[in-house]
Every structure is written in C-alpha cells, then in structure tokens.
Amino acid sequence: MAEISKGGTDYIGYEYKEKSVPAPFTSLYLDSYPCFGWEEDPNGINHIKNTKSTGHISLRFRRNRKICNKTELTRLQRSFDGCLAEIEALERSKTSLASMCALIVGLIGTAFMAGSVFAVTAEPPMWILMVILAVPGFGGWIAAYFVYQILVRRRTVKVAPLIEQKYDELYEICEKGNHLLI
C-alpha cells in the first residue's frame, strides 16, 4: 500500500485586530506589536483614513490564537497602548495652552482695533483716540505669534523629560512581551 503523506504545514488559527493609530506613531506600532505576538496581516490592506484631516492610519494585525502567555501579552499590550495615549496627550499639551493664550492676546488686539474703527467712524472722527487704540490693536495681533512661540518652547522643555520617560517605559514593556514570546 502506498503511504499518504501530509504536505504543507499544520493549520494555524488567527485572531485579527484592526487598530486606528495616529500617523506619527505608525512605525512605532508596526515595530512594537510583534512583541505582543501580533504580526502585520499580509491578507489585509492597511488603508489611510483621511490622514490629512484625522491624522490616523488603520493598521491590521493577526496573532496565533494558541499563543503561549496570551493573557499576559494582552495585559502588556494594553499598558503599551496606555503609554502611547499618554505620550500623545503630552505632545498635544505642548501647543494647547499656547494656542489658547495666543488666541486671547489676538482677540484683545482685535477689541482694541474695533475701538479704533469706532473712533474714526464717529461723528466727528476722533483721530487721536483712533491712533491710541490702533497701536495696542496691532501690538496684540503681532504679540500673539510671539506668545505662542514662547509658551510652546517653555512647555516643550517641561514635557520632554516626561515623554522620554514614557518612551523608556514603552521599551521595557516591549522587552517583557518579547521575552514571553521566546
């Protein structure tokens, strides 16, 4: 009798995950998710979801359903996602206060400029009051840019060590996940 041999490999069942990630962190996700047993899905198509307007890219991953230490890897993956969310929040915090303060300074400048316009359109025109109000109006418009730049620089100096600390924590989490896979 002829022996029937089984060709190919054994069947592997996969679980799938689609993750919408911020565009600047795409490479970090692609490099780090394999530490938790995920690999980029070769059958799935990664697509860009309005990267210019939303700034997110959709990535597709797959993982062997029978992977060892699955619960611990999932816990580490959640920690990883949490750290990245904190990094993203810290990055946004660099510009949020600066934008708000620059807008306030610009609006105050606009209020002075409105007063200047009302002064010149009054009957009879108040030229001296118009000039007195126009100078801080233009000053407020110009100062808004410098206020923004100064506040972003100050916040960046404060936040940079925190972001670096979070990246170190990310790398430790990835190392732990990688050791669980070996």
N, C-alpha and C. Protein backbone atom coordinates (compact mmCIF):
# COMPACT_ATOMS: atom_id res chain seq x y z
N MET A 1 0.81 -1.18 0.00
CA MET A 1 0.00 0.00 0.00
C MET A 1 0.86 1.25 0.00
N ALA A 2 0.35 2.23 -0.64
CA ALA A 2 1.06 3.50 -0.70
C ALA A 2 0.72 4.32 0.54
N GLU A 3 1.73 4.94 1.08
CA GLU A 3 1.53 5.75 2.28
C GLU A 3 1.15 7.17 1.84
N ILE A 4 0.11 7.68 2.46
CA ILE A 4 -0.31 9.03 2.12
C ILE A 4 0.41 9.99 3.07
N SER A 5 1.14 10.88 2.48
CA SER A 5 1.85 11.86 3.31
C SER A 5 1.12 13.19 3.27
N LYS A 6 1.21 13.82 4.36
CA LYS A 6 0.55 15.11 4.50
C LYS A 6 1.52 16.19 4.05
N GLY A 7 1.15 16.96 3.07
CA GLY A 7 2.02 18.01 2.57
C GLY A 7 1.64 19.35 3.18
N GLY A 8 2.55 20.25 3.24
CA GLY A 8 2.25 21.58 3.77
C GLY A 8 2.44 21.64 5.27
N THR A 9 1.89 22.65 5.84
CA THR A 9 2.04 22.87 7.27
C THR A 9 0.71 22.66 7.98
N ASP A 10 0.77 22.59 9.28
CA ASP A 10 -0.44 22.46 10.08
C ASP A 10 -1.24 23.76 10.00
N TYR A 11 -2.52 23.62 10.21
CA TYR A 11 -3.40 24.79 10.20
C TYR A 11 -3.14 25.64 11.44
N ILE A 12 -3.09 26.93 11.23
CA ILE A 12 -2.93 27.87 12.34
C ILE A 12 -4.13 28.80 12.32
N GLY A 13 -4.85 28.84 13.43
CA GLY A 13 -5.99 29.76 13.56
C GLY A 13 -5.49 31.10 14.07
N TYR A 14 -5.98 32.17 13.48
CA TYR A 14 -5.54 33.51 13.86
C TYR A 14 -6.69 34.31 14.44
N GLU A 15 -6.34 35.24 15.31
CA GLU A 15 -7.28 36.26 15.72
C GLU A 15 -6.80 37.56 15.06
N TYR A 16 -7.74 38.40 14.72
CA TYR A 16 -7.41 39.59 13.94
C TYR A 16 -7.75 40.85 14.73
N LYS A 17 -7.01 41.90 14.42
CA LYS A 17 -7.21 43.18 15.11
C LYS A 17 -6.96 44.30 14.12
N GLU A 18 -7.88 45.23 14.09
CA GLU A 18 -7.68 46.44 13.30
C GLU A 18 -7.51 47.59 14.27
N LYS A 19 -6.47 48.36 14.09
CA LYS A 19 -6.12 49.42 15.03
C LYS A 19 -5.95 50.72 14.25
N SER A 20 -6.68 51.73 14.67
CA SER A 20 -6.53 53.06 14.08
C SER A 20 -5.50 53.81 14.93
N VAL A 21 -4.39 54.17 14.31
CA VAL A 21 -3.29 54.78 15.05
C VAL A 21 -2.96 56.16 14.48
N PRO A 22 -2.46 57.07 15.32
CA PRO A 22 -2.02 58.37 14.81
C PRO A 22 -0.86 58.19 13.83
N ALA A 23 -0.89 58.93 12.75
CA ALA A 23 0.10 58.78 11.69
C ALA A 23 1.55 58.87 12.18
N PRO A 24 1.89 59.78 13.11
CA PRO A 24 3.29 59.84 13.55
C PRO A 24 3.75 58.58 14.30
N PHE A 25 2.81 57.80 14.86
CA PHE A 25 3.17 56.62 15.64
C PHE A 25 3.04 55.32 14.85
N THR A 26 2.81 55.39 13.55
CA THR A 26 2.60 54.19 12.75
C THR A 26 3.79 53.24 12.82
N SER A 27 4.98 53.76 12.62
CA SER A 27 6.17 52.91 12.66
C SER A 27 6.38 52.29 14.03
N LEU A 28 6.10 53.05 15.08
CA LEU A 28 6.24 52.52 16.43
C LEU A 28 5.30 51.35 16.66
N TYR A 29 4.06 51.46 16.20
CA TYR A 29 3.12 50.35 16.32
C TYR A 29 3.58 49.15 15.51
N LEU A 30 4.02 49.38 14.27
CA LEU A 30 4.46 48.27 13.42
C LEU A 30 5.70 47.57 13.99
N ASP A 31 6.55 48.32 14.68
CA ASP A 31 7.74 47.73 15.27
C ASP A 31 7.46 47.06 16.61
N SER A 32 6.46 47.56 17.35
CA SER A 32 6.24 47.09 18.72
C SER A 32 5.19 46.00 18.85
N TYR A 33 4.18 46.00 18.02
CA TYR A 33 3.13 44.98 18.17
C TYR A 33 3.62 43.55 17.99
N PRO A 34 4.65 43.29 17.20
CA PRO A 34 5.18 41.91 17.16
C PRO A 34 5.70 41.43 18.52
N CYS A 35 6.04 42.33 19.42
CA CYS A 35 6.48 41.94 20.77
C CYS A 35 5.32 41.35 21.58
N PHE A 36 4.10 41.55 21.13
CA PHE A 36 2.93 41.01 21.82
C PHE A 36 2.29 39.88 21.02
N GLY A 37 3.04 39.36 20.05
CA GLY A 37 2.57 38.22 19.27
C GLY A 37 1.84 38.60 17.99
N TRP A 38 1.63 39.87 17.75
CA TRP A 38 0.92 40.31 16.55
C TRP A 38 1.89 40.44 15.39
N GLU A 39 1.40 40.18 14.22
CA GLU A 39 2.16 40.43 13.00
C GLU A 39 1.24 41.16 12.05
N GLU A 40 1.83 41.91 11.14
CA GLU A 40 1.01 42.63 10.18
C GLU A 40 0.29 41.62 9.30
N ASP A 41 -0.99 41.80 9.10
CA ASP A 41 -1.81 40.87 8.33
C ASP A 41 -1.45 40.99 6.85
N PRO A 42 -0.86 39.92 6.27
CA PRO A 42 -0.48 40.01 4.86
C PRO A 42 -1.69 40.00 3.93
N ASN A 43 -2.82 39.52 4.41
CA ASN A 43 -4.02 39.48 3.57
C ASN A 43 -4.84 40.75 3.67
N GLY A 44 -4.66 41.48 4.75
CA GLY A 44 -5.41 42.72 4.95
C GLY A 44 -4.70 43.87 4.27
N ILE A 45 -5.45 44.88 3.97
CA ILE A 45 -4.88 46.06 3.33
C ILE A 45 -4.92 47.19 4.36
N ASN A 46 -3.76 47.73 4.66
CA ASN A 46 -3.72 48.88 5.55
C ASN A 46 -4.15 50.09 4.73
N HIS A 47 -5.04 50.85 5.25
CA HIS A 47 -5.52 52.00 4.49
C HIS A 47 -5.45 53.26 5.32
N ILE A 48 -5.29 54.32 4.60
CA ILE A 48 -5.17 55.62 5.22
C ILE A 48 -6.56 56.23 5.31
N LYS A 49 -6.96 56.60 6.51
CA LYS A 49 -8.27 57.22 6.72
C LYS A 49 -8.08 58.73 6.81
N ASN A 50 -8.20 59.40 5.71
CA ASN A 50 -8.10 60.87 5.70
C ASN A 50 -6.96 61.34 6.59
N THR A 51 -5.77 60.89 6.30
CA THR A 51 -4.62 61.21 7.14
C THR A 51 -4.47 62.71 7.33
N LYS A 52 -4.80 63.48 6.32
CA LYS A 52 -4.64 64.93 6.45
C LYS A 52 -5.67 65.53 7.41
N SER A 53 -6.89 65.01 7.41
CA SER A 53 -7.91 65.61 8.28
C SER A 53 -7.95 64.94 9.65
N THR A 54 -7.91 63.61 9.70
CA THR A 54 -7.99 62.94 11.00
C THR A 54 -6.62 62.63 11.57
N GLY A 55 -5.64 62.42 10.70
CA GLY A 55 -4.29 62.11 11.16
C GLY A 55 -4.12 60.68 11.64
N HIS A 56 -5.05 59.77 11.25
CA HIS A 56 -4.98 58.38 11.69
C HIS A 56 -4.85 57.43 10.50
N ILE A 57 -4.16 56.34 10.75
CA ILE A 57 -4.00 55.27 9.76
C ILE A 57 -4.53 53.99 10.38
N SER A 58 -5.21 53.20 9.59
CA SER A 58 -5.76 51.94 10.08
C SER A 58 -4.78 50.82 9.77
N LEU A 59 -4.32 50.13 10.81
CA LEU A 59 -3.40 49.01 10.65
C LEU A 59 -4.13 47.71 10.98
N ARG A 60 -3.79 46.64 10.28
CA ARG A 60 -4.41 45.34 10.53
C ARG A 60 -3.34 44.35 10.94
N PHE A 61 -3.64 43.64 12.03
CA PHE A 61 -2.71 42.67 12.59
C PHE A 61 -3.41 41.33 12.75
N ARG A 62 -2.59 40.28 12.88
CA ARG A 62 -3.11 38.96 13.20
C ARG A 62 -2.17 38.31 14.21
N ARG A 63 -2.74 37.36 14.99
CA ARG A 63 -1.95 36.67 16.02
C ARG A 63 -2.49 35.24 16.14
N ASN A 64 -1.57 34.31 16.36
CA ASN A 64 -1.94 32.92 16.56
C ASN A 64 -2.86 32.82 17.77
N ARG A 65 -3.98 32.11 17.60
CA ARG A 65 -4.96 32.00 18.69
C ARG A 65 -4.42 31.17 19.85
N LYS A 66 -3.49 30.27 19.56
CA LYS A 66 -2.98 29.36 20.60
C LYS A 66 -1.60 29.80 21.11
N ILE A 67 -1.36 31.09 21.09
CA ILE A 67 -0.06 31.60 21.52
C ILE A 67 0.07 31.42 23.04
N CYS A 68 1.27 31.14 23.49
CA CYS A 68 1.52 30.99 24.93
C CYS A 68 1.48 32.36 25.60
N ASN A 69 1.11 32.37 26.87
CA ASN A 69 1.09 33.60 27.69
C ASN A 69 0.20 34.68 27.09
N LYS A 70 -0.90 34.29 26.51
CA LYS A 70 -1.78 35.23 25.81
C LYS A 70 -2.34 36.31 26.75
N THR A 71 -2.73 35.93 27.94
CA THR A 71 -3.32 36.92 28.86
C THR A 71 -2.28 37.95 29.31
N GLU A 72 -1.08 37.49 29.58
CA GLU A 72 -0.02 38.43 29.99
C GLU A 72 0.37 39.34 28.82
N LEU A 73 0.42 38.78 27.61
CA LEU A 73 0.74 39.60 26.44
C LEU A 73 -0.35 40.65 26.20
N THR A 74 -1.60 40.26 26.41
CA THR A 74 -2.70 41.21 26.24
C THR A 74 -2.61 42.31 27.28
N ARG A 75 -2.26 41.96 28.51
CA ARG A 75 -2.10 42.97 29.56
C ARG A 75 -0.97 43.95 29.20
N LEU A 76 0.15 43.40 28.73
CA LEU A 76 1.27 44.26 28.33
C LEU A 76 0.88 45.15 27.15
N GLN A 77 0.10 44.60 26.23
CA GLN A 77 -0.34 45.37 25.08
C GLN A 77 -1.22 46.54 25.52
N ARG A 78 -2.09 46.31 26.48
CA ARG A 78 -2.93 47.40 27.00
C ARG A 78 -2.07 48.47 27.68
N SER A 79 -1.04 48.04 28.40
CA SER A 79 -0.12 49.00 29.02
C SER A 79 0.59 49.82 27.95
N PHE A 80 1.00 49.14 26.88
CA PHE A 80 1.65 49.80 25.76
C PHE A 80 0.72 50.85 25.14
N ASP A 81 -0.53 50.47 24.88
CA ASP A 81 -1.49 51.40 24.30
C ASP A 81 -1.74 52.58 25.24
N GLY A 82 -1.79 52.32 26.54
CA GLY A 82 -1.99 53.40 27.51
C GLY A 82 -0.82 54.37 27.53
N CYS A 83 0.39 53.84 27.46
CA CYS A 83 1.58 54.71 27.43
C CYS A 83 1.59 55.57 26.18
N LEU A 84 1.22 54.98 25.05
CA LEU A 84 1.20 55.76 23.82
C LEU A 84 0.11 56.83 23.86
N ALA A 85 -1.01 56.53 24.49
CA ALA A 85 -2.05 57.54 24.64
C ALA A 85 -1.55 58.69 25.52
N GLU A 86 -0.79 58.37 26.56
CA GLU A 86 -0.23 59.41 27.42
C GLU A 86 0.80 60.25 26.66
N ILE A 87 1.61 59.61 25.83
CA ILE A 87 2.59 60.35 25.02
C ILE A 87 1.87 61.29 24.07
N GLU A 88 0.81 60.80 23.45
CA GLU A 88 0.04 61.63 22.53
C GLU A 88 -0.57 62.83 23.26
N ALA A 89 -1.08 62.61 24.46
CA ALA A 89 -1.66 63.70 25.25
C ALA A 89 -0.58 64.71 25.64
N LEU A 90 0.60 64.22 26.01
CA LEU A 90 1.70 65.13 26.35
C LEU A 90 2.13 65.95 25.13
N GLU A 91 2.15 65.32 23.97
CA GLU A 91 2.51 66.04 22.74
C GLU A 91 1.48 67.13 22.45
N ARG A 92 0.20 66.82 22.63
CA ARG A 92 -0.85 67.82 22.40
C ARG A 92 -0.76 68.95 23.42
N SER A 93 -0.34 68.63 24.64
CA SER A 93 -0.28 69.65 25.69
C SER A 93 0.78 70.71 25.40
N LYS A 94 1.72 70.40 24.52
CA LYS A 94 2.74 71.40 24.17
C LYS A 94 2.10 72.63 23.53
N THR A 95 1.08 72.42 22.73
CA THR A 95 0.52 73.53 21.96
C THR A 95 -0.85 73.99 22.44
N SER A 96 -1.52 73.23 23.28
CA SER A 96 -2.90 73.61 23.64
C SER A 96 -2.96 74.91 24.44
N LEU A 97 -2.18 75.04 25.50
CA LEU A 97 -2.19 76.27 26.29
C LEU A 97 -1.66 77.44 25.48
N ALA A 98 -0.62 77.18 24.69
CA ALA A 98 -0.04 78.24 23.87
C ALA A 98 -1.05 78.76 22.86
N SER A 99 -1.82 77.86 22.25
CA SER A 99 -2.84 78.29 21.29
C SER A 99 -3.91 79.13 21.96
N MET A 100 -4.34 78.70 23.13
CA MET A 100 -5.38 79.43 23.84
C MET A 100 -4.89 80.84 24.23
N CYS A 101 -3.70 80.92 24.75
CA CYS A 101 -3.17 82.23 25.15
C CYS A 101 -2.97 83.14 23.94
N ALA A 102 -2.47 82.59 22.83
CA ALA A 102 -2.27 83.39 21.62
C ALA A 102 -3.61 83.89 21.09
N LEU A 103 -4.64 83.05 21.15
CA LEU A 103 -5.97 83.48 20.70
C LEU A 103 -6.50 84.60 21.58
N ILE A 104 -6.30 84.51 22.87
CA ILE A 104 -6.78 85.55 23.79
C ILE A 104 -6.07 86.87 23.50
N VAL A 105 -4.75 86.81 23.32
CA VAL A 105 -3.99 88.03 23.03
C VAL A 105 -4.46 88.62 21.69
N GLY A 106 -4.68 87.76 20.70
CA GLY A 106 -5.16 88.24 19.40
C GLY A 106 -6.55 88.85 19.49
N LEU A 107 -7.43 88.26 20.30
CA LEU A 107 -8.78 88.81 20.47
C LEU A 107 -8.76 90.15 21.19
N ILE A 108 -7.87 90.28 22.16
CA ILE A 108 -7.73 91.58 22.84
C ILE A 108 -7.25 92.63 21.86
N GLY A 109 -6.29 92.25 21.01
CA GLY A 109 -5.83 93.17 19.96
C GLY A 109 -6.96 93.54 19.02
N THR A 110 -7.81 92.57 18.69
CA THR A 110 -8.95 92.84 17.81
C THR A 110 -9.94 93.79 18.49
N ALA A 111 -10.13 93.64 19.79
CA ALA A 111 -11.04 94.54 20.51
C ALA A 111 -10.51 95.98 20.46
N PHE A 112 -9.21 96.15 20.64
CA PHE A 112 -8.63 97.49 20.53
C PHE A 112 -8.80 98.03 19.12
N MET A 113 -8.61 97.17 18.13
CA MET A 113 -8.75 97.61 16.74
C MET A 113 -10.20 97.99 16.43
N ALA A 114 -11.16 97.25 17.01
CA ALA A 114 -12.57 97.61 16.82
C ALA A 114 -12.85 98.98 17.44
N GLY A 115 -12.30 99.22 18.61
CA GLY A 115 -12.45 100.54 19.24
C GLY A 115 -11.85 101.63 18.37
N SER A 116 -10.75 101.33 17.74
CA SER A 116 -10.11 102.28 16.86
C SER A 116 -11.00 102.59 15.65
N VAL A 117 -11.62 101.58 15.10
CA VAL A 117 -12.51 101.77 13.95
C VAL A 117 -13.73 102.60 14.37
N PHE A 118 -14.28 102.29 15.54
CA PHE A 118 -15.43 103.08 16.00
C PHE A 118 -15.03 104.53 16.25
N ALA A 119 -13.81 104.74 16.72
CA ALA A 119 -13.35 106.11 16.98
C ALA A 119 -13.21 106.90 15.69
N VAL A 120 -12.75 106.28 14.64
CA VAL A 120 -12.55 107.00 13.38
C VAL A 120 -13.86 107.19 12.62
N THR A 121 -14.82 106.30 12.84
CA THR A 121 -16.09 106.44 12.13
C THR A 121 -17.11 107.29 12.90
N ALA A 122 -16.74 107.72 14.09
CA ALA A 122 -17.65 108.57 14.88
C ALA A 122 -17.79 109.93 14.21
N GLU A 123 -18.82 110.65 14.57
CA GLU A 123 -19.05 111.97 14.03
C GLU A 123 -18.80 112.98 15.12
N PRO A 124 -17.90 113.82 15.13
CA PRO A 124 -16.75 113.96 14.25
C PRO A 124 -15.70 112.89 14.55
N PRO A 125 -14.85 112.53 13.58
CA PRO A 125 -13.82 111.50 13.80
C PRO A 125 -12.85 111.88 14.92
N MET A 126 -12.56 110.90 15.76
CA MET A 126 -11.62 111.12 16.86
C MET A 126 -10.28 110.48 16.47
N TRP A 127 -9.46 111.25 15.77
CA TRP A 127 -8.22 110.74 15.20
C TRP A 127 -7.22 110.34 16.28
N ILE A 128 -7.11 111.12 17.31
CA ILE A 128 -6.13 110.82 18.35
C ILE A 128 -6.52 109.53 19.08
N LEU A 129 -7.81 109.36 19.40
CA LEU A 129 -8.27 108.14 20.05
C LEU A 129 -8.07 106.93 19.14
N MET A 130 -8.30 107.16 17.83
CA MET A 130 -8.09 106.07 16.87
C MET A 130 -6.64 105.59 16.91
N VAL A 131 -5.69 106.49 16.92
CA VAL A 131 -4.27 106.12 16.95
C VAL A 131 -3.93 105.46 18.27
N ILE A 132 -4.47 105.99 19.36
CA ILE A 132 -4.18 105.43 20.69
C ILE A 132 -4.69 103.99 20.78
N LEU A 133 -5.85 103.69 20.19
CA LEU A 133 -6.40 102.34 20.24
C LEU A 133 -5.80 101.41 19.17
N ALA A 134 -5.35 101.97 18.05
CA ALA A 134 -4.81 101.14 16.97
C ALA A 134 -3.45 100.56 17.33
N VAL A 135 -2.64 101.32 18.08
CA VAL A 135 -1.29 100.83 18.43
C VAL A 135 -1.37 99.54 19.25
N PRO A 136 -2.15 99.46 20.36
CA PRO A 136 -2.23 98.18 21.06
C PRO A 136 -2.96 97.11 20.24
N GLY A 137 -3.84 97.54 19.32
CA GLY A 137 -4.52 96.56 18.47
C GLY A 137 -3.53 95.83 17.58
N PHE A 138 -2.70 96.60 16.88
CA PHE A 138 -1.66 95.97 16.05
C PHE A 138 -0.67 95.20 16.92
N GLY A 139 -0.34 95.77 18.09
CA GLY A 139 0.58 95.10 19.01
C GLY A 139 0.04 93.74 19.46
N GLY A 140 -1.27 93.69 19.73
CA GLY A 140 -1.88 92.41 20.13
C GLY A 140 -1.84 91.38 19.02
N TRP A 141 -2.07 91.83 17.79
CA TRP A 141 -2.01 90.90 16.66
C TRP A 141 -0.60 90.36 16.47
N ILE A 142 0.38 91.21 16.59
CA ILE A 142 1.77 90.78 16.40
C ILE A 142 2.24 89.95 17.60
N ALA A 143 1.86 90.36 18.80
CA ALA A 143 2.32 89.66 20.00
C ALA A 143 1.78 88.24 20.10
N ALA A 144 0.63 87.97 19.48
CA ALA A 144 0.04 86.63 19.56
C ALA A 144 1.02 85.57 19.05
N TYR A 145 1.72 85.87 17.97
CA TYR A 145 2.69 84.91 17.41
C TYR A 145 3.82 84.64 18.41
N PHE A 146 4.36 85.70 18.99
CA PHE A 146 5.48 85.54 19.92
C PHE A 146 5.06 84.87 21.22
N VAL A 147 3.84 85.16 21.68
CA VAL A 147 3.32 84.49 22.88
C VAL A 147 3.23 82.99 22.63
N TYR A 148 2.72 82.63 21.45
CA TYR A 148 2.60 81.21 21.10
C TYR A 148 3.97 80.53 21.09
N GLN A 149 4.94 81.13 20.43
CA GLN A 149 6.28 80.55 20.33
C GLN A 149 6.94 80.38 21.70
N ILE A 150 6.83 81.40 22.53
CA ILE A 150 7.45 81.34 23.85
C ILE A 150 6.82 80.26 24.71
N LEU A 151 5.49 80.20 24.72
CA LEU A 151 4.81 79.20 25.55
C LEU A 151 5.05 77.78 25.06
N VAL A 152 5.14 77.58 23.75
CA VAL A 152 5.44 76.24 23.23
C VAL A 152 6.84 75.82 23.65
N ARG A 153 7.80 76.73 23.55
CA ARG A 153 9.17 76.39 23.96
C ARG A 153 9.23 76.04 25.45
N ARG A 154 8.57 76.82 26.28
CA ARG A 154 8.58 76.54 27.73
C ARG A 154 7.94 75.19 28.04
N ARG A 155 6.80 74.92 27.42
CA ARG A 155 6.10 73.67 27.69
C ARG A 155 6.89 72.48 27.16
N THR A 156 7.55 72.64 26.03
CA THR A 156 8.37 71.57 25.47
C THR A 156 9.50 71.20 26.41
N VAL A 157 10.12 72.20 27.02
CA VAL A 157 11.20 71.94 27.98
C VAL A 157 10.68 71.15 29.18
N LYS A 158 9.47 71.48 29.64
CA LYS A 158 8.90 70.78 30.79
C LYS A 158 8.46 69.36 30.45
N VAL A 159 7.92 69.18 29.25
CA VAL A 159 7.29 67.91 28.88
C VAL A 159 8.29 66.91 28.30
N ALA A 160 9.38 67.38 27.72
CA ALA A 160 10.34 66.49 27.05
C ALA A 160 10.84 65.36 27.97
N PRO A 161 11.23 65.63 29.22
CA PRO A 161 11.66 64.52 30.06
C PRO A 161 10.55 63.51 30.37
N LEU A 162 9.32 63.99 30.49
CA LEU A 162 8.19 63.09 30.73
C LEU A 162 7.94 62.18 29.53
N ILE A 163 8.04 62.77 28.35
CA ILE A 163 7.84 61.97 27.13
C ILE A 163 8.94 60.94 27.00
N GLU A 164 10.17 61.35 27.29
CA GLU A 164 11.30 60.41 27.21
C GLU A 164 11.13 59.28 28.22
N GLN A 165 10.61 59.60 29.39
CA GLN A 165 10.36 58.59 30.42
C GLN A 165 9.29 57.60 29.95
N LYS A 166 8.27 58.10 29.29
CA LYS A 166 7.21 57.23 28.77
C LYS A 166 7.75 56.32 27.66
N TYR A 167 8.63 56.85 26.82
CA TYR A 167 9.24 56.01 25.77
C TYR A 167 10.08 54.90 26.40
N ASP A 168 10.81 55.23 27.46
CA ASP A 168 11.58 54.19 28.15
C ASP A 168 10.66 53.12 28.72
N GLU A 169 9.52 53.54 29.26
CA GLU A 169 8.54 52.58 29.78
C GLU A 169 7.98 51.71 28.65
N LEU A 170 7.75 52.32 27.48
CA LEU A 170 7.28 51.55 26.32
C LEU A 170 8.29 50.47 25.95
N TYR A 171 9.56 50.82 25.92
CA TYR A 171 10.58 49.86 25.51
C TYR A 171 10.70 48.72 26.52
N GLU A 172 10.53 49.04 27.80
CA GLU A 172 10.55 47.99 28.82
C GLU A 172 9.37 47.04 28.64
N ILE A 173 8.19 47.59 28.34
CA ILE A 173 7.01 46.76 28.11
C ILE A 173 7.23 45.85 26.91
N CYS A 174 7.81 46.39 25.85
CA CYS A 174 8.08 45.59 24.65
C CYS A 174 9.10 44.49 24.94
N GLU A 175 10.11 44.80 25.74
CA GLU A 175 11.09 43.78 26.10
C GLU A 175 10.45 42.64 26.89
N LYS A 176 9.57 43.00 27.83
CA LYS A 176 8.88 41.96 28.61
C LYS A 176 8.02 41.10 27.70
N GLY A 177 7.30 41.72 26.78
CA GLY A 177 6.47 40.96 25.84
C GLY A 177 7.31 40.06 24.95
N ASN A 178 8.44 40.57 24.50
CA ASN A 178 9.32 39.78 23.63
C ASN A 178 9.89 38.58 24.37
N HIS A 179 10.21 38.75 25.67
CA HIS A 179 10.73 37.62 26.45
C HIS A 179 9.65 36.56 26.66
N LEU A 180 8.39 36.97 26.73
CA LEU A 180 7.31 35.99 26.88
C LEU A 180 7.11 35.16 25.62
N LEU A 181 7.47 35.72 24.47
CA LEU A 181 7.30 35.00 23.20
C LEU A 181 8.41 33.99 22.96
N ILE A 182 9.55 34.21 23.55
CA ILE A 182 10.70 33.32 23.30
C ILE A 182 10.52 31.99 23.97
